[in-house]
Amino acid sequence: MQPGGVPDMQQILAQAQKMQEQLVSAQEDLANAETTGTAGGGLVTATVSGAGELKALAIDPKVVDPEDVETLADLIVAAVRDASNAAQDLAQERMGPLAGGLGGLGLPGM
């Protein structure tokens, strides 16, 4: 900090650069991460990327009943929702500290 309480611009720029690098690294880690969600006691399992893209869906043959397609559809939706929520939690966990870091730059109003 310079005299008069004015933040040192070089220090602020260095902090911003470091935060940018951390953010890019966290985004890359998140894109490579996968989360799973299940429904029906594990009869349906969905795998979602950290970015929220559905990567895989596994359905136990025991749950496939041509007479009751609605239950299967409900289980699929529940498994995908479970996996998506896990991906959002993971994103918050990895990106949250970085998003809050802007206040630490010493800039007024941040």
PDB file of N, CA and C in Angstrom:
ATOM      1  N   MET A   1       0.850  -1.163   0.000  1.00  0.00           N
ATOM      2  CA  MET A   1       0.000   0.000   0.000  1.00  0.00           C
ATOM      3  C   MET A   1       0.894   1.224   0.000  1.00  0.00           C
ATOM      4  N   GLN A   2       0.589   2.198  -0.835  1.00  0.00           N
ATOM      5  CA  GLN A   2       1.362   3.412  -0.935  1.00  0.00           C
ATOM      6  C   GLN A   2       0.886   4.405   0.125  1.00  0.00           C
ATOM      7  N   PRO A   3       1.697   5.455   0.382  1.00  0.00           N
ATOM      8  CA  PRO A   3       1.270   6.471   1.360  1.00  0.00           C
ATOM      9  C   PRO A   3      -0.101   7.044   0.979  1.00  0.00           C
ATOM     10  N   GLY A   4      -0.884   7.316   2.010  1.00  0.00           N
ATOM     11  CA  GLY A   4      -2.210   7.886   1.757  1.00  0.00           C
ATOM     12  C   GLY A   4      -3.276   6.815   1.560  1.00  0.00           C
ATOM     13  N   GLY A   5      -2.916   5.550   1.752  1.00  0.00           N
ATOM     14  CA  GLY A   5      -3.896   4.473   1.651  1.00  0.00           C
ATOM     15  C   GLY A   5      -4.240   4.053   0.235  1.00  0.00           C
ATOM     16  N   VAL A   6      -3.457   4.502  -0.754  1.00  0.00           N
ATOM     17  CA  VAL A   6      -3.708   4.145  -2.146  1.00  0.00           C
ATOM     18  C   VAL A   6      -3.032   2.797  -2.436  1.00  0.00           C
ATOM     19  N   PRO A   7      -3.781   1.830  -2.957  1.00  0.00           N
ATOM     20  CA  PRO A   7      -3.174   0.525  -3.241  1.00  0.00           C
ATOM     21  C   PRO A   7      -2.112   0.616  -4.336  1.00  0.00           C
ATOM     22  N   ASP A   8      -1.072  -0.193  -4.209  1.00  0.00           N
ATOM     23  CA  ASP A   8       0.004  -0.268  -5.190  1.00  0.00           C
ATOM     24  C   ASP A   8      -0.522  -1.009  -6.429  1.00  0.00           C
ATOM     25  N   MET A   9      -0.537  -0.356  -7.571  1.00  0.00           N
ATOM     26  CA  MET A   9      -1.104  -0.931  -8.795  1.00  0.00           C
ATOM     27  C   MET A   9      -0.351  -2.181  -9.241  1.00  0.00           C
ATOM     28  N   GLN A  10       0.967  -2.210  -9.077  1.00  0.00           N
ATOM     29  CA  GLN A  10       1.742  -3.390  -9.459  1.00  0.00           C
ATOM     30  C   GLN A  10       1.312  -4.600  -8.626  1.00  0.00           C
ATOM     31  N   GLN A  11       1.106  -4.366  -7.343  1.00  0.00           N
ATOM     32  CA  GLN A  11       0.689  -5.446  -6.451  1.00  0.00           C
ATOM     33  C   GLN A  11      -0.716  -5.925  -6.831  1.00  0.00           C
ATOM     34  N   ILE A  12      -1.586  -5.002  -7.125  1.00  0.00           N
ATOM     35  CA  ILE A  12      -2.957  -5.356  -7.518  1.00  0.00           C
ATOM     36  C   ILE A  12      -2.951  -6.156  -8.815  1.00  0.00           C
ATOM     37  N   LEU A  13      -2.151  -5.728  -9.786  1.00  0.00           N
ATOM     38  CA  LEU A  13      -2.071  -6.442 -11.055  1.00  0.00           C
ATOM     39  C   LEU A  13      -1.481  -7.835 -10.873  1.00  0.00           C
ATOM     40  N   ALA A  14      -0.488  -7.967 -10.007  1.00  0.00           N
ATOM     41  CA  ALA A  14       0.110  -9.279  -9.738  1.00  0.00           C
ATOM     42  C   ALA A  14      -0.917 -10.207  -9.088  1.00  0.00           C
ATOM     43  N   GLN A  15      -1.705  -9.678  -8.139  1.00  0.00           N
ATOM     44  CA  GLN A  15      -2.740 -10.480  -7.490  1.00  0.00           C
ATOM     45  C   GLN A  15      -3.806 -10.896  -8.499  1.00  0.00           C
ATOM     46  N   ALA A  16      -4.178  -9.971  -9.369  1.00  0.00           N
ATOM     47  CA  ALA A  16      -5.196 -10.275 -10.379  1.00  0.00           C
ATOM     48  C   ALA A  16      -4.700 -11.352 -11.336  1.00  0.00           C
ATOM     49  N   GLN A  17      -3.436 -11.280 -11.729  1.00  0.00           N
ATOM     50  CA  GLN A  17      -2.850 -12.285 -12.624  1.00  0.00           C
ATOM     51  C   GLN A  17      -2.842 -13.649 -11.948  1.00  0.00           C
ATOM     52  N   LYS A  18      -2.469 -13.688 -10.671  1.00  0.00           N
ATOM     53  CA  LYS A  18      -2.433 -14.954  -9.933  1.00  0.00           C
ATOM     54  C   LYS A  18      -3.850 -15.531  -9.822  1.00  0.00           C
ATOM     55  N   MET A  19      -4.826 -14.696  -9.534  1.00  0.00           N
ATOM     56  CA  MET A  19      -6.205 -15.163  -9.432  1.00  0.00           C
ATOM     57  C   MET A  19      -6.703 -15.683 -10.773  1.00  0.00           C
ATOM     58  N   GLN A  20      -6.326 -15.023 -11.857  1.00  0.00           N
ATOM     59  CA  GLN A  20      -6.715 -15.462 -13.191  1.00  0.00           C
ATOM     60  C   GLN A  20      -6.158 -16.854 -13.476  1.00  0.00           C
ATOM     61  N   GLU A  21      -4.891 -17.072 -13.119  1.00  0.00           N
ATOM     62  CA  GLU A  21      -4.275 -18.380 -13.324  1.00  0.00           C
ATOM     63  C   GLU A  21      -4.966 -19.456 -12.489  1.00  0.00           C
ATOM     64  N   GLN A  22      -5.300 -19.125 -11.249  1.00  0.00           N
ATOM     65  CA  GLN A  22      -5.998 -20.069 -10.380  1.00  0.00           C
ATOM     66  C   GLN A  22      -7.382 -20.390 -10.929  1.00  0.00           C
ATOM     67  N   LEU A  23      -8.055 -19.382 -11.453  1.00  0.00           N
ATOM     68  CA  LEU A  23      -9.394 -19.564 -12.019  1.00  0.00           C
ATOM     69  C   LEU A  23      -9.339 -20.481 -13.237  1.00  0.00           C
ATOM     70  N   VAL A  24      -8.399 -20.259 -14.125  1.00  0.00           N
ATOM     71  CA  VAL A  24      -8.250 -21.105 -15.318  1.00  0.00           C
ATOM     72  C   VAL A  24      -7.946 -22.543 -14.908  1.00  0.00           C
ATOM     73  N   SER A  25      -7.065 -22.711 -13.934  1.00  0.00           N
ATOM     74  CA  SER A  25      -6.727 -24.049 -13.456  1.00  0.00           C
ATOM     75  C   SER A  25      -7.949 -24.748 -12.858  1.00  0.00           C
ATOM     76  N   ALA A  26      -8.723 -24.024 -12.061  1.00  0.00           N
ATOM     77  CA  ALA A  26      -9.922 -24.607 -11.453  1.00  0.00           C
ATOM     78  C   ALA A  26     -10.957 -24.967 -12.514  1.00  0.00           C
ATOM     79  N   GLN A  27     -11.090 -24.132 -13.544  1.00  0.00           N
ATOM     80  CA  GLN A  27     -12.030 -24.418 -14.627  1.00  0.00           C
ATOM     81  C   GLN A  27     -11.610 -25.678 -15.387  1.00  0.00           C
ATOM     82  N   GLU A  28     -10.313 -25.835 -15.627  1.00  0.00           N
ATOM     83  CA  GLU A  28      -9.812 -27.034 -16.319  1.00  0.00           C
ATOM     84  C   GLU A  28     -10.053 -28.285 -15.475  1.00  0.00           C
ATOM     85  N   ASP A  29      -9.764 -28.183 -14.181  1.00  0.00           N
ATOM     86  CA  ASP A  29     -10.007 -29.313 -13.279  1.00  0.00           C
ATOM     87  C   ASP A  29     -11.478 -29.693 -13.275  1.00  0.00           C
ATOM     88  N   LEU A  30     -12.322 -28.688 -13.231  1.00  0.00           N
ATOM     89  CA  LEU A  30     -13.761 -28.915 -13.199  1.00  0.00           C
ATOM     90  C   LEU A  30     -14.240 -29.569 -14.489  1.00  0.00           C
ATOM     91  N   ALA A  31     -13.723 -29.129 -15.623  1.00  0.00           N
ATOM     92  CA  ALA A  31     -14.128 -29.702 -16.909  1.00  0.00           C
ATOM     93  C   ALA A  31     -13.749 -31.178 -17.002  1.00  0.00           C
ATOM     94  N   ASN A  32     -12.666 -31.570 -16.335  1.00  0.00           N
ATOM     95  CA  ASN A  32     -12.213 -32.962 -16.370  1.00  0.00           C
ATOM     96  C   ASN A  32     -12.851 -33.827 -15.291  1.00  0.00           C
ATOM     97  N   ALA A  33     -13.507 -33.201 -14.338  1.00  0.00           N
ATOM     98  CA  ALA A  33     -14.120 -33.948 -13.239  1.00  0.00           C
ATOM     99  C   ALA A  33     -15.453 -34.554 -13.675  1.00  0.00           C
ATOM    100  N   GLU A  34     -15.835 -35.637 -13.014  1.00  0.00           N
ATOM    101  CA  GLU A  34     -17.134 -36.257 -13.258  1.00  0.00           C
ATOM    102  C   GLU A  34     -17.796 -36.552 -11.928  1.00  0.00           C
ATOM    103  N   THR A  35     -19.112 -36.412 -11.893  1.00  0.00           N
ATOM    104  CA  THR A  35     -19.883 -36.764 -10.716  1.00  0.00           C
ATOM    105  C   THR A  35     -20.955 -37.755 -11.143  1.00  0.00           C
ATOM    106  N   THR A  36     -21.396 -38.558 -10.189  1.00  0.00           N
ATOM    107  CA  THR A  36     -22.455 -39.518 -10.497  1.00  0.00           C
ATOM    108  C   THR A  36     -23.637 -39.278  -9.574  1.00  0.00           C
ATOM    109  N   GLY A  37     -24.786 -39.644 -10.083  1.00  0.00           N
ATOM    110  CA  GLY A  37     -26.008 -39.597  -9.307  1.00  0.00           C
ATOM    111  C   GLY A  37     -26.765 -40.877  -9.541  1.00  0.00           C
ATOM    112  N   THR A  38     -27.523 -41.290  -8.541  1.00  0.00           N
ATOM    113  CA  THR A  38     -28.265 -42.541  -8.662  1.00  0.00           C
ATOM    114  C   THR A  38     -29.718 -42.337  -8.272  1.00  0.00           C
ATOM    115  N   ALA A  39     -30.537 -43.276  -8.692  1.00  0.00           N
ATOM    116  CA  ALA A  39     -31.949 -43.292  -8.320  1.00  0.00           C
ATOM    117  C   ALA A  39     -32.390 -44.753  -8.256  1.00  0.00           C
ATOM    118  N   GLY A  40     -33.464 -44.986  -7.517  1.00  0.00           N
ATOM    119  CA  GLY A  40     -33.989 -46.341  -7.420  1.00  0.00           C
ATOM    120  C   GLY A  40     -33.030 -47.292  -6.736  1.00  0.00           C
ATOM    121  N   GLY A  41     -32.316 -46.776  -5.731  1.00  0.00           N
ATOM    122  CA  GLY A  41     -31.377 -47.633  -5.025  1.00  0.00           C
ATOM    123  C   GLY A  41     -30.223 -48.104  -5.884  1.00  0.00           C
ATOM    124  N   GLY A  42     -29.835 -47.294  -6.866  1.00  0.00           N
ATOM    125  CA  GLY A  42     -28.709 -47.644  -7.733  1.00  0.00           C
ATOM    126  C   GLY A  42     -29.114 -48.341  -9.021  1.00  0.00           C
ATOM    127  N   LEU A  43     -30.421 -48.469  -9.256  1.00  0.00           N
ATOM    128  CA  LEU A  43     -30.870 -49.113 -10.493  1.00  0.00           C
ATOM    129  C   LEU A  43     -30.601 -48.241 -11.721  1.00  0.00           C
ATOM    130  N   VAL A  44     -30.567 -46.926 -11.503  1.00  0.00           N
ATOM    131  CA  VAL A  44     -30.231 -45.993 -12.589  1.00  0.00           C
ATOM    132  C   VAL A  44     -29.101 -45.108 -12.080  1.00  0.00           C
ATOM    133  N   THR A  45     -28.035 -45.016 -12.874  1.00  0.00           N
ATOM    134  CA  THR A  45     -26.885 -44.193 -12.517  1.00  0.00           C
ATOM    135  C   THR A  45     -26.559 -43.261 -13.674  1.00  0.00           C
ATOM    136  N   ALA A  46     -26.410 -41.980 -13.344  1.00  0.00           N
ATOM    137  CA  ALA A  46     -26.048 -40.981 -14.357  1.00  0.00           C
ATOM    138  C   ALA A  46     -24.679 -40.418 -13.999  1.00  0.00           C
ATOM    139  N   THR A  47     -23.859 -40.192 -15.018  1.00  0.00           N
ATOM    140  CA  THR A  47     -22.550 -39.570 -14.843  1.00  0.00           C
ATOM    141  C   THR A  47     -22.560 -38.245 -15.589  1.00  0.00           C
ATOM    142  N   VAL A  48     -22.182 -37.175 -14.893  1.00  0.00           N
ATOM    143  CA  VAL A  48     -22.217 -35.825 -15.445  1.00  0.00           C
ATOM    144  C   VAL A  48     -20.830 -35.212 -15.285  1.00  0.00           C
ATOM    145  N   SER A  49     -20.393 -34.465 -16.296  1.00  0.00           N
ATOM    146  CA  SER A  49     -19.111 -33.768 -16.189  1.00  0.00           C
ATOM    147  C   SER A  49     -19.249 -32.619 -15.199  1.00  0.00           C
ATOM    148  N   GLY A  50     -18.113 -32.111 -14.761  1.00  0.00           N
ATOM    149  CA  GLY A  50     -18.129 -30.958 -13.867  1.00  0.00           C
ATOM    150  C   GLY A  50     -18.798 -29.752 -14.487  1.00  0.00           C
ATOM    151  N   ALA A  51     -18.862 -29.718 -15.811  1.00  0.00           N
ATOM    152  CA  ALA A  51     -19.529 -28.629 -16.518  1.00  0.00           C
ATOM    153  C   ALA A  51     -21.024 -28.887 -16.677  1.00  0.00           C
ATOM    154  N   GLY A  52     -21.493 -30.052 -16.207  1.00  0.00           N
ATOM    155  CA  GLY A  52     -22.923 -30.351 -16.261  1.00  0.00           C
ATOM    156  C   GLY A  52     -23.384 -31.150 -17.463  1.00  0.00           C
ATOM    157  N   GLU A  53     -22.447 -31.620 -18.282  1.00  0.00           N
ATOM    158  CA  GLU A  53     -22.809 -32.396 -19.474  1.00  0.00           C
ATOM    159  C   GLU A  53     -23.004 -33.865 -19.098  1.00  0.00           C
ATOM    160  N   LEU A  54     -24.135 -34.440 -19.519  1.00  0.00           N
ATOM    161  CA  LEU A  54     -24.406 -35.849 -19.265  1.00  0.00           C
ATOM    162  C   LEU A  54     -23.420 -36.685 -20.075  1.00  0.00           C
ATOM    163  N   LYS A  55     -22.633 -37.515 -19.374  1.00  0.00           N
ATOM    164  CA  LYS A  55     -21.611 -38.323 -20.029  1.00  0.00           C
ATOM    165  C   LYS A  55     -22.027 -39.775 -20.194  1.00  0.00           C
ATOM    166  N   ALA A  56     -22.762 -40.309 -19.215  1.00  0.00           N
ATOM    167  CA  ALA A  56     -23.143 -41.719 -19.275  1.00  0.00           C
ATOM    168  C   ALA A  56     -24.421 -41.940 -18.477  1.00  0.00           C
ATOM    169  N   LEU A  57     -25.128 -42.989 -18.872  1.00  0.00           N
ATOM    170  CA  LEU A  57     -26.356 -43.373 -18.190  1.00  0.00           C
ATOM    171  C   LEU A  57     -26.396 -44.889 -18.153  1.00  0.00           C
ATOM    172  N   ALA A  58     -26.460 -45.456 -16.951  1.00  0.00           N
ATOM    173  CA  ALA A  58     -26.517 -46.910 -16.797  1.00  0.00           C
ATOM    174  C   ALA A  58     -27.867 -47.286 -16.194  1.00  0.00           C
ATOM    175  N   ILE A  59     -28.524 -48.242 -16.832  1.00  0.00           N
ATOM    176  CA  ILE A  59     -29.847 -48.680 -16.386  1.00  0.00           C
ATOM    177  C   ILE A  59     -29.792 -50.183 -16.145  1.00  0.00           C
ATOM    178  N   ASP A  60     -30.103 -50.577 -14.918  1.00  0.00           N
ATOM    179  CA  ASP A  60     -30.150 -51.996 -14.575  1.00  0.00           C
ATOM    180  C   ASP A  60     -31.344 -52.621 -15.307  1.00  0.00           C
ATOM    181  N   PRO A  61     -31.148 -53.739 -15.986  1.00  0.00           N
ATOM    182  CA  PRO A  61     -32.249 -54.377 -16.723  1.00  0.00           C
ATOM    183  C   PRO A  61     -33.472 -54.696 -15.854  1.00  0.00           C
ATOM    184  N   LYS A  62     -33.259 -54.850 -14.558  1.00  0.00           N
ATOM    185  CA  LYS A  62     -34.383 -55.147 -13.662  1.00  0.00           C
ATOM    186  C   LYS A  62     -35.424 -54.040 -13.635  1.00  0.00           C
ATOM    187  N   VAL A  63     -35.017 -52.815 -13.947  1.00  0.00           N
ATOM    188  CA  VAL A  63     -35.935 -51.684 -13.855  1.00  0.00           C
ATOM    189  C   VAL A  63     -36.696 -51.458 -15.173  1.00  0.00           C
ATOM    190  N   VAL A  64     -36.310 -52.145 -16.227  1.00  0.00           N
ATOM    191  CA  VAL A  64     -36.939 -51.963 -17.534  1.00  0.00           C
ATOM    192  C   VAL A  64     -38.203 -52.828 -17.614  1.00  0.00           C
ATOM    193  N   ASP A  65     -39.335 -52.145 -17.597  1.00  0.00           N
ATOM    194  CA  ASP A  65     -40.640 -52.820 -17.675  1.00  0.00           C
ATOM    195  C   ASP A  65     -41.426 -52.129 -18.787  1.00  0.00           C
ATOM    196  N   PRO A  66     -41.656 -52.811 -19.902  1.00  0.00           N
ATOM    197  CA  PRO A  66     -42.382 -52.193 -21.014  1.00  0.00           C
ATOM    198  C   PRO A  66     -43.773 -51.697 -20.611  1.00  0.00           C
ATOM    199  N   GLU A  67     -44.313 -52.258 -19.552  1.00  0.00           N
ATOM    200  CA  GLU A  67     -45.635 -51.853 -19.082  1.00  0.00           C
ATOM    201  C   GLU A  67     -45.583 -50.592 -18.230  1.00  0.00           C
ATOM    202  N   ASP A  68     -44.380 -50.209 -17.777  1.00  0.00           N
ATOM    203  CA  ASP A  68     -44.251 -49.077 -16.860  1.00  0.00           C
ATOM    204  C   ASP A  68     -43.065 -48.191 -17.255  1.00  0.00           C
ATOM    205  N   VAL A  69     -43.164 -47.589 -18.411  1.00  0.00           N
ATOM    206  CA  VAL A  69     -42.099 -46.723 -18.923  1.00  0.00           C
ATOM    207  C   VAL A  69     -41.982 -45.446 -18.089  1.00  0.00           C
ATOM    208  N   GLU A  70     -43.074 -44.993 -17.507  1.00  0.00           N
ATOM    209  CA  GLU A  70     -43.053 -43.758 -16.720  1.00  0.00           C
ATOM    210  C   GLU A  70     -42.119 -43.860 -15.516  1.00  0.00           C
ATOM    211  N   THR A  71     -42.121 -44.993 -14.845  1.00  0.00           N
ATOM    212  CA  THR A  71     -41.237 -45.160 -13.690  1.00  0.00           C
ATOM    213  C   THR A  71     -39.775 -45.084 -14.128  1.00  0.00           C
ATOM    214  N   LEU A  72     -39.456 -45.711 -15.224  1.00  0.00           N
ATOM    215  CA  LEU A  72     -38.092 -45.659 -15.744  1.00  0.00           C
ATOM    216  C   LEU A  72     -37.706 -44.215 -16.070  1.00  0.00           C
ATOM    217  N   ALA A  73     -38.592 -43.498 -16.726  1.00  0.00           N
ATOM    218  CA  ALA A  73     -38.322 -42.096 -17.061  1.00  0.00           C
ATOM    219  C   ALA A  73     -38.105 -41.274 -15.792  1.00  0.00           C
ATOM    220  N   ASP A  74     -38.926 -41.500 -14.775  1.00  0.00           N
ATOM    221  CA  ASP A  74     -38.768 -40.778 -13.515  1.00  0.00           C
ATOM    222  C   ASP A  74     -37.421 -41.081 -12.861  1.00  0.00           C
ATOM    223  N   LEU A  75     -37.008 -42.338 -12.909  1.00  0.00           N
ATOM    224  CA  LEU A  75     -35.722 -42.718 -12.330  1.00  0.00           C
ATOM    225  C   LEU A  75     -34.555 -42.074 -13.078  1.00  0.00           C
ATOM    226  N   ILE A  76     -34.672 -42.012 -14.391  1.00  0.00           N
ATOM    227  CA  ILE A  76     -33.625 -41.374 -15.201  1.00  0.00           C
ATOM    228  C   ILE A  76     -33.520 -39.894 -14.848  1.00  0.00           C
ATOM    229  N   VAL A  77     -34.661 -39.227 -14.795  1.00  0.00           N
ATOM    230  CA  VAL A  77     -34.658 -37.796 -14.454  1.00  0.00           C
ATOM    231  C   VAL A  77     -34.053 -37.589 -13.067  1.00  0.00           C
ATOM    232  N   ALA A  78     -34.439 -38.421 -12.108  1.00  0.00           N
ATOM    233  CA  ALA A  78     -33.921 -38.283 -10.743  1.00  0.00           C
ATOM    234  C   ALA A  78     -32.416 -38.512 -10.689  1.00  0.00           C
ATOM    235  N   ALA A  79     -31.913 -39.498 -11.418  1.00  0.00           N
ATOM    236  CA  ALA A  79     -30.474 -39.776 -11.422  1.00  0.00           C
ATOM    237  C   ALA A  79     -29.696 -38.636 -12.068  1.00  0.00           C
ATOM    238  N   VAL A  80     -30.203 -38.117 -13.170  1.00  0.00           N
ATOM    239  CA  VAL A  80     -29.526 -36.998 -13.843  1.00  0.00           C
ATOM    240  C   VAL A  80     -29.555 -35.759 -12.952  1.00  0.00           C
ATOM    241  N   ARG A  81     -30.680 -35.515 -12.310  1.00  0.00           N
ATOM    242  CA  ARG A  81     -30.787 -34.365 -11.404  1.00  0.00           C
ATOM    243  C   ARG A  81     -29.791 -34.512 -10.249  1.00  0.00           C
ATOM    244  N   ASP A  82     -29.687 -35.713  -9.697  1.00  0.00           N
ATOM    245  CA  ASP A  82     -28.767 -35.973  -8.599  1.00  0.00           C
ATOM    246  C   ASP A  82     -27.323 -35.713  -9.037  1.00  0.00           C
ATOM    247  N   ALA A  83     -26.957 -36.200 -10.209  1.00  0.00           N
ATOM    248  CA  ALA A  83     -25.603 -35.996 -10.726  1.00  0.00           C
ATOM    249  C   ALA A  83     -25.345 -34.522 -11.035  1.00  0.00           C
ATOM    250  N   SER A  84     -26.339 -33.839 -11.597  1.00  0.00           N
ATOM    251  CA  SER A  84     -26.188 -32.414 -11.910  1.00  0.00           C
ATOM    252  C   SER A  84     -26.009 -31.590 -10.641  1.00  0.00           C
ATOM    253  N   ASN A  85     -26.775 -31.921  -9.603  1.00  0.00           N
ATOM    254  CA  ASN A  85     -26.614 -31.218  -8.331  1.00  0.00           C
ATOM    255  C   ASN A  85     -25.223 -31.442  -7.753  1.00  0.00           C
ATOM    256  N   ALA A  86     -24.714 -32.656  -7.883  1.00  0.00           N
ATOM    257  CA  ALA A  86     -23.361 -32.955  -7.410  1.00  0.00           C
ATOM    258  C   ALA A  86     -22.331 -32.151  -8.202  1.00  0.00           C
ATOM    259  N   ALA A  87     -22.557 -31.999  -9.509  1.00  0.00           N
ATOM    260  CA  ALA A  87     -21.638 -31.205 -10.344  1.00  0.00           C
ATOM    261  C   ALA A  87     -21.677 -29.737  -9.931  1.00  0.00           C
ATOM    262  N   GLN A  88     -22.868 -29.222  -9.626  1.00  0.00           N
ATOM    263  CA  GLN A  88     -22.980 -27.829  -9.179  1.00  0.00           C
ATOM    264  C   GLN A  88     -22.284 -27.629  -7.838  1.00  0.00           C
ATOM    265  N   ASP A  89     -22.450 -28.599  -6.941  1.00  0.00           N
ATOM    266  CA  ASP A  89     -21.770 -28.514  -5.647  1.00  0.00           C
ATOM    267  C   ASP A  89     -20.257 -28.524  -5.832  1.00  0.00           C
ATOM    268  N   LEU A  90     -19.783 -29.372  -6.730  1.00  0.00           N
ATOM    269  CA  LEU A  90     -18.358 -29.448  -7.009  1.00  0.00           C
ATOM    270  C   LEU A  90     -17.849 -28.123  -7.585  1.00  0.00           C
ATOM    271  N   ALA A  91     -18.614 -27.537  -8.496  1.00  0.00           N
ATOM    272  CA  ALA A  91     -18.223 -26.255  -9.088  1.00  0.00           C
ATOM    273  C   ALA A  91     -18.160 -25.173  -8.008  1.00  0.00           C
ATOM    274  N   GLN A  92     -19.136 -25.151  -7.123  1.00  0.00           N
ATOM    275  CA  GLN A  92     -19.147 -24.169  -6.045  1.00  0.00           C
ATOM    276  C   GLN A  92     -17.944 -24.367  -5.127  1.00  0.00           C
ATOM    277  N   GLU A  93     -17.651 -25.615  -4.839  1.00  0.00           N
ATOM    278  CA  GLU A  93     -16.528 -25.939  -3.964  1.00  0.00           C
ATOM    279  C   GLU A  93     -15.205 -25.476  -4.573  1.00  0.00           C
ATOM    280  N   ARG A  94     -15.037 -25.705  -5.870  1.00  0.00           N
ATOM    281  CA  ARG A  94     -13.759 -25.382  -6.515  1.00  0.00           C
ATOM    282  C   ARG A  94     -13.664 -23.925  -6.955  1.00  0.00           C
ATOM    283  N   MET A  95     -14.787 -23.333  -7.336  1.00  0.00           N
ATOM    284  CA  MET A  95     -14.747 -21.977  -7.878  1.00  0.00           C
ATOM    285  C   MET A  95     -15.117 -20.917  -6.831  1.00  0.00           C
ATOM    286  N   GLY A  96     -15.834 -21.308  -5.792  1.00  0.00           N
ATOM    287  CA  GLY A  96     -16.305 -20.357  -4.786  1.00  0.00           C
ATOM    288  C   GLY A  96     -15.212 -19.500  -4.187  1.00  0.00           C
ATOM    289  N   PRO A  97     -14.122 -20.101  -3.704  1.00  0.00           N
ATOM    290  CA  PRO A  97     -13.067 -19.283  -3.115  1.00  0.00           C
ATOM    291  C   PRO A  97     -12.455 -18.287  -4.107  1.00  0.00           C
ATOM    292  N   LEU A  98     -12.408 -18.669  -5.367  1.00  0.00           N
ATOM    293  CA  LEU A  98     -11.827 -17.770  -6.377  1.00  0.00           C
ATOM    294  C   LEU A  98     -12.777 -16.626  -6.696  1.00  0.00           C
ATOM    295  N   ALA A  99     -14.077 -16.916  -6.753  1.00  0.00           N
ATOM    296  CA  ALA A  99     -15.055 -15.870  -7.054  1.00  0.00           C
ATOM    297  C   ALA A  99     -15.080 -14.828  -5.949  1.00  0.00           C
ATOM    298  N   GLY A 100     -14.866 -15.259  -4.710  1.00  0.00           N
ATOM    299  CA  GLY A 100     -14.866 -14.328  -3.585  1.00  0.00           C
ATOM    300  C   GLY A 100     -13.564 -13.574  -3.451  1.00  0.00           C
ATOM    301  N   GLY A 101     -12.557 -13.942  -4.218  1.00  0.00           N
ATOM    302  CA  GLY A 101     -11.239 -13.361  -4.081  1.00  0.00           C
ATOM    303  C   GLY A 101     -11.089 -11.939  -4.569  1.00  0.00           C
ATOM    304  N   LEU A 102     -12.037 -11.462  -5.339  1.00  0.00           N
ATOM    305  CA  LEU A 102     -11.918 -10.110  -5.887  1.00  0.00           C
ATOM    306  C   LEU A 102     -11.889  -9.054  -4.795  1.00  0.00           C
ATOM    307  N   GLY A 103     -12.561  -9.314  -3.692  1.00  0.00           N
ATOM    308  CA  GLY A 103     -12.565  -8.364  -2.578  1.00  0.00           C
ATOM    309  C   GLY A 103     -11.207  -8.231  -1.931  1.00  0.00           C
ATOM    310  N   GLY A 104     -10.332  -9.194  -2.132  1.00  0.00           N
ATOM    311  CA  GLY A 104      -9.024  -9.170  -1.512  1.00  0.00           C
ATOM    312  C   GLY A 104      -7.991  -8.374  -2.284  1.00  0.00           C
ATOM    313  N   LEU A 105      -8.372  -7.738  -3.355  1.00  0.00           N
ATOM    314  CA  LEU A 105      -7.418  -6.989  -4.163  1.00  0.00           C
ATOM    315  C   LEU A 105      -7.115  -5.606  -3.582  1.00  0.00           C
ATOM    316  N   GLY A 106      -7.865  -5.199  -2.568  1.00  0.00           N
ATOM    317  CA  GLY A 106      -7.631  -3.895  -1.983  1.00  0.00           C
ATOM    318  C   GLY A 106      -8.252  -2.769  -2.764  1.00  0.00           C
ATOM    319  N   LEU A 107      -9.171  -3.071  -3.643  1.00  0.00           N
ATOM    320  CA  LEU A 107      -9.816  -2.032  -4.412  1.00  0.00           C
ATOM    321  C   LEU A 107     -11.061  -1.549  -3.672  1.00  0.00           C
ATOM    322  N   PRO A 108     -11.252  -0.267  -3.588  1.00  0.00           N
ATOM    323  CA  PRO A 108     -12.448   0.255  -2.925  1.00  0.00           C
ATOM    324  C   PRO A 108     -13.708  -0.232  -3.650  1.00  0.00           C
ATOM    325  N   GLY A 109     -14.700  -0.612  -2.872  1.00  0.00           N
ATOM    326  CA  GLY A 109     -15.979  -1.026  -3.467  1.00  0.00           C
ATOM    327  C   GLY A 109     -16.010  -2.453  -3.952  1.00  0.00           C
ATOM    328  N   MET A 110     -14.922  -3.207  -3.814  1.00  0.00           N
ATOM    329  CA  MET A 110     -14.887  -4.604  -4.286  1.00  0.00           C
ATOM    330  C   MET A 110     -15.098  -5.516  -3.107  1.00  0.00           C
TER     331      MET A 110
END
